[in-house]
Amino acid sequence: MTNLSATKLCKCLGDDLRLSLVCLMDVQREICVCDLVDALDAPQSTISRHLAQLRQCELVVARRQGTWMHYRLNPELPEWALTVIETLAEPARAQLGLRTPAPVCC
């Protein structure tokens, strides 16, 4: 179980790019950084910086596969946090104009 508080969750999701990353992970379950870069049309360094912030908040976890990093929502998130993410995901995807990315690399 994480030490996630409601305040921390709101701060983590308060940025459009971080919200987009979490929304894409909610749909894809696990996604490679290269696919996130492609889906969000943002520099890899920017995506990585925001992913690091999400990891620090304990919202996401990563695993390495060869040279690629794959991210997913933290399976130890409390149920209330998952409910908030799932509730926000669909309207946020529409508002932010997110499309579900087709895998690029792996």
N, C-alpha and C. Protein backbone atom coordinates (compact mmCIF):
# COMPACT_ATOMS: atom_id res chain seq x y z
N MET A 1 0.85 -1.18 0.00
CA MET A 1 0.00 0.00 0.00
C MET A 1 0.89 1.24 0.00
N THR A 2 0.49 2.24 -0.73
CA THR A 2 1.27 3.47 -0.83
C THR A 2 0.86 4.45 0.26
N ASN A 3 1.65 5.50 0.40
CA ASN A 3 1.36 6.57 1.34
C ASN A 3 0.62 7.71 0.65
N LEU A 4 -0.14 7.41 -0.35
CA LEU A 4 -0.82 8.41 -1.16
C LEU A 4 -1.97 9.04 -0.39
N SER A 5 -1.99 10.36 -0.41
CA SER A 5 -3.11 11.09 0.18
C SER A 5 -3.92 11.72 -0.94
N ALA A 6 -5.12 12.16 -0.63
CA ALA A 6 -5.97 12.80 -1.63
C ALA A 6 -5.30 14.07 -2.16
N THR A 7 -4.65 14.81 -1.29
CA THR A 7 -3.96 16.05 -1.69
C THR A 7 -2.83 15.72 -2.66
N LYS A 8 -2.07 14.70 -2.32
CA LYS A 8 -0.95 14.30 -3.18
C LYS A 8 -1.45 13.84 -4.55
N LEU A 9 -2.53 13.08 -4.58
CA LEU A 9 -3.10 12.61 -5.84
C LEU A 9 -3.53 13.80 -6.71
N CYS A 10 -4.23 14.75 -6.09
CA CYS A 10 -4.69 15.92 -6.85
C CYS A 10 -3.53 16.73 -7.39
N LYS A 11 -2.47 16.89 -6.61
CA LYS A 11 -1.30 17.62 -7.07
C LYS A 11 -0.63 16.89 -8.23
N CYS A 12 -0.55 15.58 -8.13
CA CYS A 12 0.08 14.79 -9.19
C CYS A 12 -0.72 14.86 -10.49
N LEU A 13 -2.02 14.87 -10.39
CA LEU A 13 -2.87 14.87 -11.58
C LEU A 13 -3.21 16.29 -12.04
N GLY A 14 -2.72 17.30 -11.33
CA GLY A 14 -3.04 18.69 -11.63
C GLY A 14 -2.34 19.26 -12.85
N ASP A 15 -1.48 18.49 -13.49
CA ASP A 15 -0.78 18.92 -14.69
C ASP A 15 -1.36 18.15 -15.87
N ASP A 16 -1.64 18.85 -16.98
CA ASP A 16 -2.26 18.19 -18.14
C ASP A 16 -1.45 17.02 -18.66
N LEU A 17 -0.12 17.16 -18.70
CA LEU A 17 0.70 16.07 -19.24
C LEU A 17 0.69 14.87 -18.31
N ARG A 18 0.81 15.10 -17.01
CA ARG A 18 0.77 13.97 -16.06
C ARG A 18 -0.61 13.31 -16.08
N LEU A 19 -1.67 14.11 -16.18
CA LEU A 19 -3.01 13.54 -16.28
C LEU A 19 -3.13 12.70 -17.55
N SER A 20 -2.57 13.20 -18.63
CA SER A 20 -2.60 12.45 -19.90
C SER A 20 -1.87 11.12 -19.76
N LEU A 21 -0.71 11.13 -19.12
CA LEU A 21 0.07 9.90 -18.93
C LEU A 21 -0.73 8.87 -18.14
N VAL A 22 -1.35 9.32 -17.06
CA VAL A 22 -2.13 8.41 -16.22
C VAL A 22 -3.35 7.89 -16.99
N CYS A 23 -4.00 8.76 -17.76
CA CYS A 23 -5.16 8.32 -18.56
C CYS A 23 -4.76 7.25 -19.58
N LEU A 24 -3.62 7.44 -20.22
CA LEU A 24 -3.16 6.44 -21.19
C LEU A 24 -2.81 5.13 -20.51
N MET A 25 -2.23 5.20 -19.32
CA MET A 25 -1.91 3.97 -18.59
C MET A 25 -3.18 3.28 -18.10
N ASP A 26 -4.21 4.05 -17.82
CA ASP A 26 -5.47 3.46 -17.39
C ASP A 26 -6.06 2.61 -18.51
N VAL A 27 -5.89 3.04 -19.76
CA VAL A 27 -6.41 2.30 -20.91
C VAL A 27 -5.48 1.16 -21.29
N GLN A 28 -4.19 1.43 -21.40
CA GLN A 28 -3.23 0.46 -21.92
C GLN A 28 -2.75 -0.54 -20.87
N ARG A 29 -2.94 -0.22 -19.62
CA ARG A 29 -2.43 -1.00 -18.49
C ARG A 29 -0.91 -0.89 -18.36
N GLU A 30 -0.17 -1.16 -19.42
CA GLU A 30 1.28 -0.97 -19.39
C GLU A 30 1.67 -0.39 -20.75
N ILE A 31 2.56 0.59 -20.70
CA ILE A 31 2.90 1.29 -21.94
C ILE A 31 4.37 1.72 -21.91
N CYS A 32 5.00 1.61 -23.05
CA CYS A 32 6.40 1.96 -23.21
C CYS A 32 6.55 3.47 -23.36
N VAL A 33 7.66 4.01 -22.89
CA VAL A 33 7.93 5.44 -23.01
C VAL A 33 7.84 5.88 -24.47
N CYS A 34 8.37 5.10 -25.38
CA CYS A 34 8.33 5.50 -26.80
C CYS A 34 6.90 5.64 -27.30
N ASP A 35 5.98 4.82 -26.80
CA ASP A 35 4.58 4.93 -27.19
C ASP A 35 3.93 6.18 -26.58
N LEU A 36 4.36 6.54 -25.37
CA LEU A 36 3.86 7.76 -24.75
C LEU A 36 4.34 8.99 -25.51
N VAL A 37 5.60 8.97 -25.92
CA VAL A 37 6.16 10.08 -26.71
C VAL A 37 5.37 10.24 -28.00
N ASP A 38 5.09 9.13 -28.66
CA ASP A 38 4.34 9.15 -29.91
C ASP A 38 2.91 9.64 -29.69
N ALA A 39 2.24 9.14 -28.67
CA ALA A 39 0.84 9.48 -28.42
C ALA A 39 0.67 10.94 -28.02
N LEU A 40 1.63 11.48 -27.27
CA LEU A 40 1.49 12.84 -26.76
C LEU A 40 2.26 13.87 -27.56
N ASP A 41 3.03 13.41 -28.55
CA ASP A 41 3.81 14.30 -29.39
C ASP A 41 4.60 15.29 -28.54
N ALA A 42 5.30 14.75 -27.55
CA ALA A 42 6.12 15.56 -26.65
C ALA A 42 7.52 14.98 -26.62
N PRO A 43 8.51 15.80 -26.30
CA PRO A 43 9.89 15.29 -26.24
C PRO A 43 10.04 14.20 -25.18
N GLN A 44 10.89 13.24 -25.47
CA GLN A 44 11.13 12.13 -24.54
C GLN A 44 11.60 12.65 -23.18
N SER A 45 12.42 13.69 -23.17
CA SER A 45 12.92 14.22 -21.90
C SER A 45 11.78 14.79 -21.04
N THR A 46 10.81 15.43 -21.67
CA THR A 46 9.66 15.97 -20.95
C THR A 46 8.80 14.85 -20.39
N ILE A 47 8.54 13.84 -21.22
CA ILE A 47 7.75 12.69 -20.77
C ILE A 47 8.45 12.02 -19.59
N SER A 48 9.75 11.80 -19.71
CA SER A 48 10.51 11.13 -18.64
C SER A 48 10.48 11.93 -17.34
N ARG A 49 10.58 13.25 -17.45
CA ARG A 49 10.54 14.09 -16.24
C ARG A 49 9.19 13.94 -15.53
N HIS A 50 8.11 13.96 -16.29
CA HIS A 50 6.79 13.82 -15.69
C HIS A 50 6.55 12.41 -15.15
N LEU A 51 7.08 11.40 -15.84
CA LEU A 51 6.98 10.03 -15.33
C LEU A 51 7.74 9.89 -14.01
N ALA A 52 8.87 10.56 -13.89
CA ALA A 52 9.64 10.53 -12.64
C ALA A 52 8.81 11.15 -11.51
N GLN A 53 8.09 12.21 -11.80
CA GLN A 53 7.23 12.83 -10.79
C GLN A 53 6.09 11.89 -10.39
N LEU A 54 5.53 11.20 -11.36
CA LEU A 54 4.47 10.24 -11.06
C LEU A 54 5.00 9.07 -10.24
N ARG A 55 6.23 8.66 -10.52
CA ARG A 55 6.85 7.59 -9.72
C ARG A 55 7.09 8.07 -8.30
N GLN A 56 7.53 9.31 -8.16
CA GLN A 56 7.78 9.88 -6.84
C GLN A 56 6.48 9.95 -6.02
N CYS A 57 5.38 10.23 -6.69
CA CYS A 57 4.06 10.25 -6.04
C CYS A 57 3.54 8.84 -5.77
N GLU A 58 4.22 7.84 -6.29
CA GLU A 58 3.85 6.43 -6.17
C GLU A 58 2.58 6.09 -6.96
N LEU A 59 2.28 6.89 -7.99
CA LEU A 59 1.13 6.59 -8.84
C LEU A 59 1.46 5.54 -9.89
N VAL A 60 2.70 5.51 -10.34
CA VAL A 60 3.10 4.56 -11.37
C VAL A 60 4.35 3.80 -10.95
N VAL A 61 4.53 2.65 -11.57
CA VAL A 61 5.73 1.85 -11.38
C VAL A 61 6.31 1.54 -12.77
N ALA A 62 7.58 1.21 -12.80
CA ALA A 62 8.24 0.96 -14.08
C ALA A 62 8.95 -0.38 -14.05
N ARG A 63 9.14 -0.91 -15.25
CA ARG A 63 9.97 -2.10 -15.41
C ARG A 63 10.75 -1.92 -16.70
N ARG A 64 11.97 -2.41 -16.67
CA ARG A 64 12.83 -2.32 -17.83
C ARG A 64 12.71 -3.59 -18.65
N GLN A 65 12.60 -3.42 -19.97
CA GLN A 65 12.64 -4.55 -20.90
C GLN A 65 13.68 -4.19 -21.95
N GLY A 66 14.86 -4.74 -21.82
CA GLY A 66 15.96 -4.37 -22.71
C GLY A 66 16.32 -2.93 -22.48
N THR A 67 16.25 -2.12 -23.53
CA THR A 67 16.57 -0.70 -23.40
C THR A 67 15.34 0.15 -23.13
N TRP A 68 14.16 -0.44 -23.13
CA TRP A 68 12.91 0.31 -22.98
C TRP A 68 12.37 0.24 -21.57
N MET A 69 11.77 1.34 -21.14
CA MET A 69 11.08 1.38 -19.85
C MET A 69 9.58 1.32 -20.11
N HIS A 70 8.91 0.47 -19.37
CA HIS A 70 7.46 0.31 -19.47
C HIS A 70 6.84 0.77 -18.15
N TYR A 71 5.77 1.54 -18.25
CA TYR A 71 5.11 2.10 -17.08
C TYR A 71 3.69 1.61 -16.98
N ARG A 72 3.21 1.52 -15.74
CA ARG A 72 1.82 1.15 -15.48
C ARG A 72 1.41 1.78 -14.15
N LEU A 73 0.11 1.84 -13.95
CA LEU A 73 -0.38 2.33 -12.66
C LEU A 73 0.11 1.40 -11.56
N ASN A 74 0.43 1.97 -10.44
CA ASN A 74 0.93 1.20 -9.30
C ASN A 74 -0.17 0.23 -8.84
N PRO A 75 0.11 -1.08 -8.85
CA PRO A 75 -0.92 -2.04 -8.44
C PRO A 75 -1.26 -1.95 -6.95
N GLU A 76 -0.45 -1.23 -6.19
CA GLU A 76 -0.70 -1.08 -4.76
C GLU A 76 -1.46 0.20 -4.42
N LEU A 77 -1.97 0.88 -5.44
CA LEU A 77 -2.77 2.08 -5.17
C LEU A 77 -4.01 1.69 -4.38
N PRO A 78 -4.41 2.54 -3.44
CA PRO A 78 -5.66 2.24 -2.73
C PRO A 78 -6.85 2.28 -3.67
N GLU A 79 -7.87 1.56 -3.32
CA GLU A 79 -9.07 1.46 -4.17
C GLU A 79 -9.68 2.83 -4.45
N TRP A 80 -9.68 3.72 -3.46
CA TRP A 80 -10.26 5.05 -3.66
C TRP A 80 -9.49 5.81 -4.75
N ALA A 81 -8.17 5.65 -4.81
CA ALA A 81 -7.36 6.35 -5.81
C ALA A 81 -7.64 5.81 -7.20
N LEU A 82 -7.78 4.50 -7.33
CA LEU A 82 -8.13 3.89 -8.62
C LEU A 82 -9.50 4.37 -9.09
N THR A 83 -10.43 4.50 -8.16
CA THR A 83 -11.77 4.99 -8.50
C THR A 83 -11.69 6.42 -9.03
N VAL A 84 -10.90 7.26 -8.38
CA VAL A 84 -10.73 8.65 -8.84
C VAL A 84 -10.13 8.67 -10.23
N ILE A 85 -9.09 7.89 -10.45
CA ILE A 85 -8.42 7.85 -11.76
C ILE A 85 -9.38 7.36 -12.84
N GLU A 86 -10.09 6.29 -12.57
CA GLU A 86 -11.02 5.75 -13.56
C GLU A 86 -12.17 6.72 -13.84
N THR A 87 -12.61 7.45 -12.81
CA THR A 87 -13.69 8.42 -12.99
C THR A 87 -13.22 9.60 -13.85
N LEU A 88 -11.98 10.03 -13.66
CA LEU A 88 -11.43 11.15 -14.41
C LEU A 88 -10.98 10.77 -15.82
N ALA A 89 -10.63 9.53 -16.03
CA ALA A 89 -9.95 9.12 -17.26
C ALA A 89 -10.75 9.42 -18.53
N GLU A 90 -12.00 9.01 -18.59
CA GLU A 90 -12.76 9.19 -19.83
C GLU A 90 -12.99 10.67 -20.16
N PRO A 91 -13.49 11.50 -19.22
CA PRO A 91 -13.66 12.91 -19.58
C PRO A 91 -12.33 13.61 -19.83
N ALA A 92 -11.29 13.21 -19.15
CA ALA A 92 -9.97 13.82 -19.37
C ALA A 92 -9.44 13.47 -20.75
N ARG A 93 -9.62 12.20 -21.19
CA ARG A 93 -9.18 11.81 -22.53
C ARG A 93 -9.89 12.65 -23.59
N ALA A 94 -11.19 12.88 -23.40
CA ALA A 94 -11.95 13.68 -24.36
C ALA A 94 -11.49 15.14 -24.33
N GLN A 95 -11.33 15.67 -23.14
CA GLN A 95 -10.92 17.07 -22.98
C GLN A 95 -9.53 17.31 -23.55
N LEU A 96 -8.63 16.38 -23.32
CA LEU A 96 -7.24 16.53 -23.75
C LEU A 96 -7.01 16.04 -25.18
N GLY A 97 -8.03 15.44 -25.78
CA GLY A 97 -7.90 14.95 -27.15
C GLY A 97 -6.95 13.77 -27.28
N LEU A 98 -6.95 12.91 -26.27
CA LEU A 98 -6.04 11.75 -26.29
C LEU A 98 -6.60 10.64 -27.15
N ARG A 99 -5.71 9.98 -27.85
CA ARG A 99 -6.07 8.79 -28.61
C ARG A 99 -5.28 7.63 -28.02
N THR A 100 -5.83 6.46 -28.09
CA THR A 100 -5.13 5.28 -27.61
C THR A 100 -4.01 4.95 -28.60
N PRO A 101 -2.77 4.97 -28.13
CA PRO A 101 -1.65 4.76 -29.06
C PRO A 101 -1.52 3.30 -29.50
N ALA A 102 -1.14 3.13 -30.74
CA ALA A 102 -0.75 1.81 -31.21
C ALA A 102 0.70 1.61 -30.81
N PRO A 103 1.07 0.43 -30.33
CA PRO A 103 2.45 0.21 -29.92
C PRO A 103 3.42 0.51 -31.06
N VAL A 104 4.49 1.23 -30.72
CA VAL A 104 5.50 1.62 -31.70
C VAL A 104 6.71 0.70 -31.63
N CYS A 105 7.15 0.40 -30.43
CA CYS A 105 8.45 -0.27 -30.32
C CYS A 105 8.37 -1.75 -29.92
N CYS A 106 7.58 -2.08 -28.99
CA CYS A 106 7.73 -3.39 -28.38
C CYS A 106 6.51 -4.26 -28.51
